[in-house]
PDB file of N, CA and C in Angstrom:
ATOM      1  N   MET A   1       0.847  -1.185   0.000  1.00  0.00           N
ATOM      2  CA  MET A   1       0.000   0.000   0.000  1.00  0.00           C
ATOM      3  C   MET A   1       0.891   1.246   0.000  1.00  0.00           C
ATOM      4  N   VAL A   2       0.560   2.204  -0.831  1.00  0.00           N
ATOM      5  CA  VAL A   2       1.311   3.451  -0.924  1.00  0.00           C
ATOM      6  C   VAL A   2       0.462   4.565  -0.334  1.00  0.00           C
ATOM      7  N   PHE A   3       1.057   5.322   0.554  1.00  0.00           N
ATOM      8  CA  PHE A   3       0.344   6.430   1.170  1.00  0.00           C
ATOM      9  C   PHE A   3       0.605   7.714   0.402  1.00  0.00           C
ATOM     10  N   HIS A   4      -0.377   8.582   0.382  1.00  0.00           N
ATOM     11  CA  HIS A   4      -0.264   9.856  -0.323  1.00  0.00           C
ATOM     12  C   HIS A   4       0.964  10.629   0.157  1.00  0.00           C
ATOM     13  N   GLY A   5       1.255  10.581   1.441  1.00  0.00           N
ATOM     14  CA  GLY A   5       2.368  11.324   2.017  1.00  0.00           C
ATOM     15  C   GLY A   5       3.734  10.877   1.532  1.00  0.00           C
ATOM     16  N   ASP A   6       3.810   9.697   0.933  1.00  0.00           N
ATOM     17  CA  ASP A   6       5.092   9.203   0.432  1.00  0.00           C
ATOM     18  C   ASP A   6       5.639  10.048  -0.706  1.00  0.00           C
ATOM     19  N   TYR A   7       4.800  10.808  -1.368  1.00  0.00           N
ATOM     20  CA  TYR A   7       5.209  11.594  -2.528  1.00  0.00           C
ATOM     21  C   TYR A   7       5.196  13.093  -2.259  1.00  0.00           C
ATOM     22  N   GLU A   8       4.896  13.493  -1.055  1.00  0.00           N
ATOM     23  CA  GLU A   8       4.806  14.914  -0.745  1.00  0.00           C
ATOM     24  C   GLU A   8       6.173  15.502  -0.418  1.00  0.00           C
ATOM     25  N   VAL A   9       6.323  16.761  -0.766  1.00  0.00           N
ATOM     26  CA  VAL A   9       7.550  17.522  -0.509  1.00  0.00           C
ATOM     27  C   VAL A   9       7.129  18.809   0.186  1.00  0.00           C
ATOM     28  N   ASP A  10       7.971  19.318   1.081  1.00  0.00           N
ATOM     29  CA  ASP A  10       7.688  20.607   1.706  1.00  0.00           C
ATOM     30  C   ASP A  10       8.117  21.722   0.759  1.00  0.00           C
ATOM     31  N   PHE A  11       7.161  22.555   0.372  1.00  0.00           N
ATOM     32  CA  PHE A  11       7.429  23.699  -0.492  1.00  0.00           C
ATOM     33  C   PHE A  11       7.495  24.958   0.354  1.00  0.00           C
ATOM     34  N   GLU A  12       8.288  25.918  -0.099  1.00  0.00           N
ATOM     35  CA  GLU A  12       8.314  27.233   0.527  1.00  0.00           C
ATOM     36  C   GLU A  12       7.197  28.062  -0.103  1.00  0.00           C
ATOM     37  N   ILE A  13       6.420  28.726   0.724  1.00  0.00           N
ATOM     38  CA  ILE A  13       5.301  29.534   0.253  1.00  0.00           C
ATOM     39  C   ILE A  13       5.686  31.007   0.375  1.00  0.00           C
ATOM     40  N   TYR A  14       5.568  31.714  -0.746  1.00  0.00           N
ATOM     41  CA  TYR A  14       5.927  33.129  -0.803  1.00  0.00           C
ATOM     42  C   TYR A  14       4.734  33.961  -1.263  1.00  0.00           C
ATOM     43  N   GLU A  15       4.753  35.234  -0.859  1.00  0.00           N
ATOM     44  CA  GLU A  15       3.784  36.206  -1.377  1.00  0.00           C
ATOM     45  C   GLU A  15       4.568  37.255  -2.147  1.00  0.00           C
ATOM     46  N   LYS A  16       4.235  37.418  -3.421  1.00  0.00           N
ATOM     47  CA  LYS A  16       4.904  38.428  -4.247  1.00  0.00           C
ATOM     48  C   LYS A  16       4.502  39.815  -3.751  1.00  0.00           C
ATOM     49  N   ARG A  17       5.482  40.698  -3.694  1.00  0.00           N
ATOM     50  CA  ARG A  17       5.225  42.073  -3.259  1.00  0.00           C
ATOM     51  C   ARG A  17       4.812  42.914  -4.454  1.00  0.00           C
ATOM     52  N   GLU A  18       3.893  43.786  -4.220  1.00  0.00           N
ATOM     53  CA  GLU A  18       3.373  44.672  -5.270  1.00  0.00           C
ATOM     54  C   GLU A  18       4.478  45.586  -5.777  1.00  0.00           C
ATOM     55  N   GLY A  19       4.722  45.579  -7.097  1.00  0.00           N
ATOM     56  CA  GLY A  19       5.698  46.461  -7.716  1.00  0.00           C
ATOM     57  C   GLY A  19       7.139  46.156  -7.357  1.00  0.00           C
ATOM     58  N   ASP A  20       7.422  44.928  -6.924  1.00  0.00           N
ATOM     59  CA  ASP A  20       8.764  44.561  -6.500  1.00  0.00           C
ATOM     60  C   ASP A  20       9.048  43.140  -6.973  1.00  0.00           C
ATOM     61  N   VAL A  21      10.294  42.851  -7.301  1.00  0.00           N
ATOM     62  CA  VAL A  21      10.644  41.503  -7.745  1.00  0.00           C
ATOM     63  C   VAL A  21      10.848  40.558  -6.566  1.00  0.00           C
ATOM     64  N   ARG A  22      11.011  41.113  -5.376  1.00  0.00           N
ATOM     65  CA  ARG A  22      11.208  40.288  -4.183  1.00  0.00           C
ATOM     66  C   ARG A  22       9.885  39.728  -3.674  1.00  0.00           C
ATOM     67  N   SER A  23       9.992  38.688  -2.879  1.00  0.00           N
ATOM     68  CA  SER A  23       8.820  38.068  -2.282  1.00  0.00           C
ATOM     69  C   SER A  23       9.047  37.885  -0.791  1.00  0.00           C
ATOM     70  N   LYS A  24       7.958  37.730  -0.058  1.00  0.00           N
ATOM     71  CA  LYS A  24       8.014  37.533   1.383  1.00  0.00           C
ATOM     72  C   LYS A  24       7.739  36.062   1.685  1.00  0.00           C
ATOM     73  N   LEU A  25       8.645  35.415   2.432  1.00  0.00           N
ATOM     74  CA  LEU A  25       8.450  34.029   2.827  1.00  0.00           C
ATOM     75  C   LEU A  25       7.342  33.969   3.874  1.00  0.00           C
ATOM     76  N   LEU A  26       6.292  33.188   3.570  1.00  0.00           N
ATOM     77  CA  LEU A  26       5.175  33.047   4.500  1.00  0.00           C
ATOM     78  C   LEU A  26       5.308  31.799   5.368  1.00  0.00           C
ATOM     79  N   GLY A  27       5.919  30.759   4.816  1.00  0.00           N
ATOM     80  CA  GLY A  27       6.057  29.516   5.566  1.00  0.00           C
ATOM     81  C   GLY A  27       6.286  28.338   4.632  1.00  0.00           C
ATOM     82  N   HIS A  28       5.939  27.166   5.109  1.00  0.00           N
ATOM     83  CA  HIS A  28       6.130  25.929   4.347  1.00  0.00           C
ATOM     84  C   HIS A  28       4.814  25.148   4.315  1.00  0.00           C
ATOM     85  N   MET A  29       4.613  24.392   3.241  1.00  0.00           N
ATOM     86  CA  MET A  29       3.426  23.559   3.115  1.00  0.00           C
ATOM     87  C   MET A  29       3.784  22.334   2.282  1.00  0.00           C
ATOM     88  N   PRO A  30       3.420  21.137   2.748  1.00  0.00           N
ATOM     89  CA  PRO A  30       3.677  19.940   1.943  1.00  0.00           C
ATOM     90  C   PRO A  30       2.696  19.841   0.783  1.00  0.00           C
ATOM     91  N   GLY A  31       3.137  19.195  -0.276  1.00  0.00           N
ATOM     92  CA  GLY A  31       2.277  18.967  -1.425  1.00  0.00           C
ATOM     93  C   GLY A  31       2.941  18.012  -2.396  1.00  0.00           C
ATOM     94  N   VAL A  32       2.139  17.433  -3.277  1.00  0.00           N
ATOM     95  CA  VAL A  32       2.698  16.528  -4.288  1.00  0.00           C
ATOM     96  C   VAL A  32       3.326  17.319  -5.423  1.00  0.00           C
ATOM     97  N   ASN A  33       2.941  18.604  -5.565  1.00  0.00           N
ATOM     98  CA  ASN A  33       3.553  19.524  -6.528  1.00  0.00           C
ATOM     99  C   ASN A  33       3.307  20.943  -6.023  1.00  0.00           C
ATOM    100  N   ALA A  34       3.840  21.918  -6.729  1.00  0.00           N
ATOM    101  CA  ALA A  34       3.739  23.310  -6.275  1.00  0.00           C
ATOM    102  C   ALA A  34       2.293  23.800  -6.216  1.00  0.00           C
ATOM    103  N   LEU A  35       1.484  23.446  -7.191  1.00  0.00           N
ATOM    104  CA  LEU A  35       0.086  23.882  -7.192  1.00  0.00           C
ATOM    105  C   LEU A  35      -0.673  23.280  -6.016  1.00  0.00           C
ATOM    106  N   ASP A  36      -0.436  22.014  -5.729  1.00  0.00           N
ATOM    107  CA  ASP A  36      -1.084  21.362  -4.599  1.00  0.00           C
ATOM    108  C   ASP A  36      -0.714  22.061  -3.294  1.00  0.00           C
ATOM    109  N   ALA A  37       0.563  22.381  -3.109  1.00  0.00           N
ATOM    110  CA  ALA A  37       1.011  23.078  -1.896  1.00  0.00           C
ATOM    111  C   ALA A  37       0.377  24.467  -1.803  1.00  0.00           C
ATOM    112  N   LYS A  38       0.306  25.168  -2.924  1.00  0.00           N
ATOM    113  CA  LYS A  38      -0.302  26.507  -2.942  1.00  0.00           C
ATOM    114  C   LYS A  38      -1.776  26.427  -2.564  1.00  0.00           C
ATOM    115  N   LEU A  39      -2.497  25.493  -3.162  1.00  0.00           N
ATOM    116  CA  LEU A  39      -3.925  25.353  -2.861  1.00  0.00           C
ATOM    117  C   LEU A  39      -4.150  24.989  -1.398  1.00  0.00           C
ATOM    118  N   ARG A  40      -3.310  24.130  -0.858  1.00  0.00           N
ATOM    119  CA  ARG A  40      -3.419  23.775   0.564  1.00  0.00           C
ATOM    120  C   ARG A  40      -3.165  24.995   1.451  1.00  0.00           C
ATOM    121  N   TRP A  41      -2.146  25.795   1.097  1.00  0.00           N
ATOM    122  CA  TRP A  41      -1.823  26.987   1.885  1.00  0.00           C
ATOM    123  C   TRP A  41      -2.990  27.970   1.869  1.00  0.00           C
ATOM    124  N   VAL A  42      -3.513  28.227   0.690  1.00  0.00           N
ATOM    125  CA  VAL A  42      -4.616  29.182   0.540  1.00  0.00           C
ATOM    126  C   VAL A  42      -5.819  28.735   1.365  1.00  0.00           C
ATOM    127  N   GLU A  43      -6.124  27.451   1.311  1.00  0.00           N
ATOM    128  CA  GLU A  43      -7.265  26.931   2.064  1.00  0.00           C
ATOM    129  C   GLU A  43      -7.008  26.973   3.570  1.00  0.00           C
ATOM    130  N   ALA A  44      -5.838  26.526   3.997  1.00  0.00           N
ATOM    131  CA  ALA A  44      -5.520  26.467   5.424  1.00  0.00           C
ATOM    132  C   ALA A  44      -5.446  27.840   6.073  1.00  0.00           C
ATOM    133  N   HIS A  45      -5.039  28.861   5.303  1.00  0.00           N
ATOM    134  CA  HIS A  45      -4.872  30.199   5.863  1.00  0.00           C
ATOM    135  C   HIS A  45      -5.973  31.157   5.430  1.00  0.00           C
ATOM    136  N   GLU A  46      -7.029  30.603   4.829  1.00  0.00           N
ATOM    137  CA  GLU A  46      -8.194  31.396   4.416  1.00  0.00           C
ATOM    138  C   GLU A  46      -7.770  32.676   3.685  1.00  0.00           C
ATOM    139  N   THR A  47      -6.902  32.492   2.695  1.00  0.00           N
ATOM    140  CA  THR A  47      -6.378  33.606   1.919  1.00  0.00           C
ATOM    141  C   THR A  47      -7.483  34.182   1.029  1.00  0.00           C
ATOM    142  N   PRO A  48      -7.647  35.509   1.026  1.00  0.00           N
ATOM    143  CA  PRO A  48      -8.660  36.124   0.160  1.00  0.00           C
ATOM    144  C   PRO A  48      -8.388  35.846  -1.320  1.00  0.00           C
ATOM    145  N   HIS A  49      -9.444  35.748  -2.112  1.00  0.00           N
ATOM    146  CA  HIS A  49      -9.324  35.447  -3.543  1.00  0.00           C
ATOM    147  C   HIS A  49      -8.427  36.436  -4.279  1.00  0.00           C
ATOM    148  N   GLU A  50      -8.448  37.696  -3.891  1.00  0.00           N
ATOM    149  CA  GLU A  50      -7.645  38.696  -4.592  1.00  0.00           C
ATOM    150  C   GLU A  50      -6.141  38.513  -4.362  1.00  0.00           C
ATOM    151  N   LYS A  51      -5.744  37.746  -3.351  1.00  0.00           N
ATOM    152  CA  LYS A  51      -4.327  37.494  -3.092  1.00  0.00           C
ATOM    153  C   LYS A  51      -3.845  36.184  -3.716  1.00  0.00           C
ATOM    154  N   PHE A  52      -4.744  35.389  -4.294  1.00  0.00           N
ATOM    155  CA  PHE A  52      -4.378  34.064  -4.819  1.00  0.00           C
ATOM    156  C   PHE A  52      -3.220  34.137  -5.804  1.00  0.00           C
ATOM    157  N   ASP A  53      -3.252  35.085  -6.730  1.00  0.00           N
ATOM    158  CA  ASP A  53      -2.202  35.181  -7.751  1.00  0.00           C
ATOM    159  C   ASP A  53      -0.864  35.652  -7.191  1.00  0.00           C
ATOM    160  N   LYS A  54      -0.871  36.243  -6.013  1.00  0.00           N
ATOM    161  CA  LYS A  54       0.367  36.711  -5.389  1.00  0.00           C
ATOM    162  C   LYS A  54       1.086  35.594  -4.638  1.00  0.00           C
ATOM    163  N   ILE A  55       0.380  34.513  -4.332  1.00  0.00           N
ATOM    164  CA  ILE A  55       0.966  33.395  -3.591  1.00  0.00           C
ATOM    165  C   ILE A  55       1.653  32.446  -4.568  1.00  0.00           C
ATOM    166  N   GLN A  56       2.858  32.010  -4.207  1.00  0.00           N
ATOM    167  CA  GLN A  56       3.568  31.041  -5.037  1.00  0.00           C
ATOM    168  C   GLN A  56       4.267  30.026  -4.137  1.00  0.00           C
ATOM    169  N   ALA A  57       4.340  28.804  -4.620  1.00  0.00           N
ATOM    170  CA  ALA A  57       5.015  27.729  -3.902  1.00  0.00           C
ATOM    171  C   ALA A  57       6.257  27.337  -4.695  1.00  0.00           C
ATOM    172  N   LEU A  58       7.386  27.304  -4.015  1.00  0.00           N
ATOM    173  CA  LEU A  58       8.653  26.983  -4.667  1.00  0.00           C
ATOM    174  C   LEU A  58       9.340  25.825  -3.954  1.00  0.00           C
ATOM    175  N   PHE A  59      10.003  24.996  -4.745  1.00  0.00           N
ATOM    176  CA  PHE A  59      10.788  23.905  -4.198  1.00  0.00           C
ATOM    177  C   PHE A  59      11.985  24.506  -3.470  1.00  0.00           C
ATOM    178  N   PRO A  60      12.232  24.127  -2.229  1.00  0.00           N
ATOM    179  CA  PRO A  60      13.339  24.734  -1.458  1.00  0.00           C
ATOM    180  C   PRO A  60      14.703  24.541  -2.123  1.00  0.00           C
ATOM    181  N   LEU A  61      15.520  25.567  -2.099  1.00  0.00           N
ATOM    182  CA  LEU A  61      16.863  25.493  -2.693  1.00  0.00           C
ATOM    183  C   LEU A  61      17.735  24.446  -2.027  1.00  0.00           C
ATOM    184  N   GLU A  62      17.568  24.221  -0.727  1.00  0.00           N
ATOM    185  CA  GLU A  62      18.388  23.244  -0.012  1.00  0.00           C
ATOM    186  C   GLU A  62      18.225  21.846  -0.592  1.00  0.00           C
ATOM    187  N   GLU A  63      17.059  21.546  -1.136  1.00  0.00           N
ATOM    188  CA  GLU A  63      16.796  20.232  -1.708  1.00  0.00           C
ATOM    189  C   GLU A  63      17.591  19.999  -2.986  1.00  0.00           C
ATOM    190  N   TRP A  64      18.002  21.074  -3.657  1.00  0.00           N
ATOM    191  CA  TRP A  64      18.735  20.957  -4.921  1.00  0.00           C
ATOM    192  C   TRP A  64      20.198  20.664  -4.708  1.00  0.00           C
ATOM    193  N   LYS A  65      20.708  20.908  -3.509  1.00  0.00           N
ATOM    194  CA  LYS A  65      22.145  20.751  -3.241  1.00  0.00           C
ATOM    195  C   LYS A  65      22.510  19.287  -3.049  1.00  0.00           C
TER     196      LYS A  65
END
């Protein structure tokens, strides 16, 4: 038996700043891919619909090393 959690990775969740290329780290959320992690974050933190496009989930840089 394979559990869903066997394929999940912790993604870093960021909020893009208005008029700036930098982003603010909000936290971490597990997911099977970046979209899954983003959707989980938005739901868990009751993020307003107008902020949805500002939220992004990225694979942590430490995992690439």
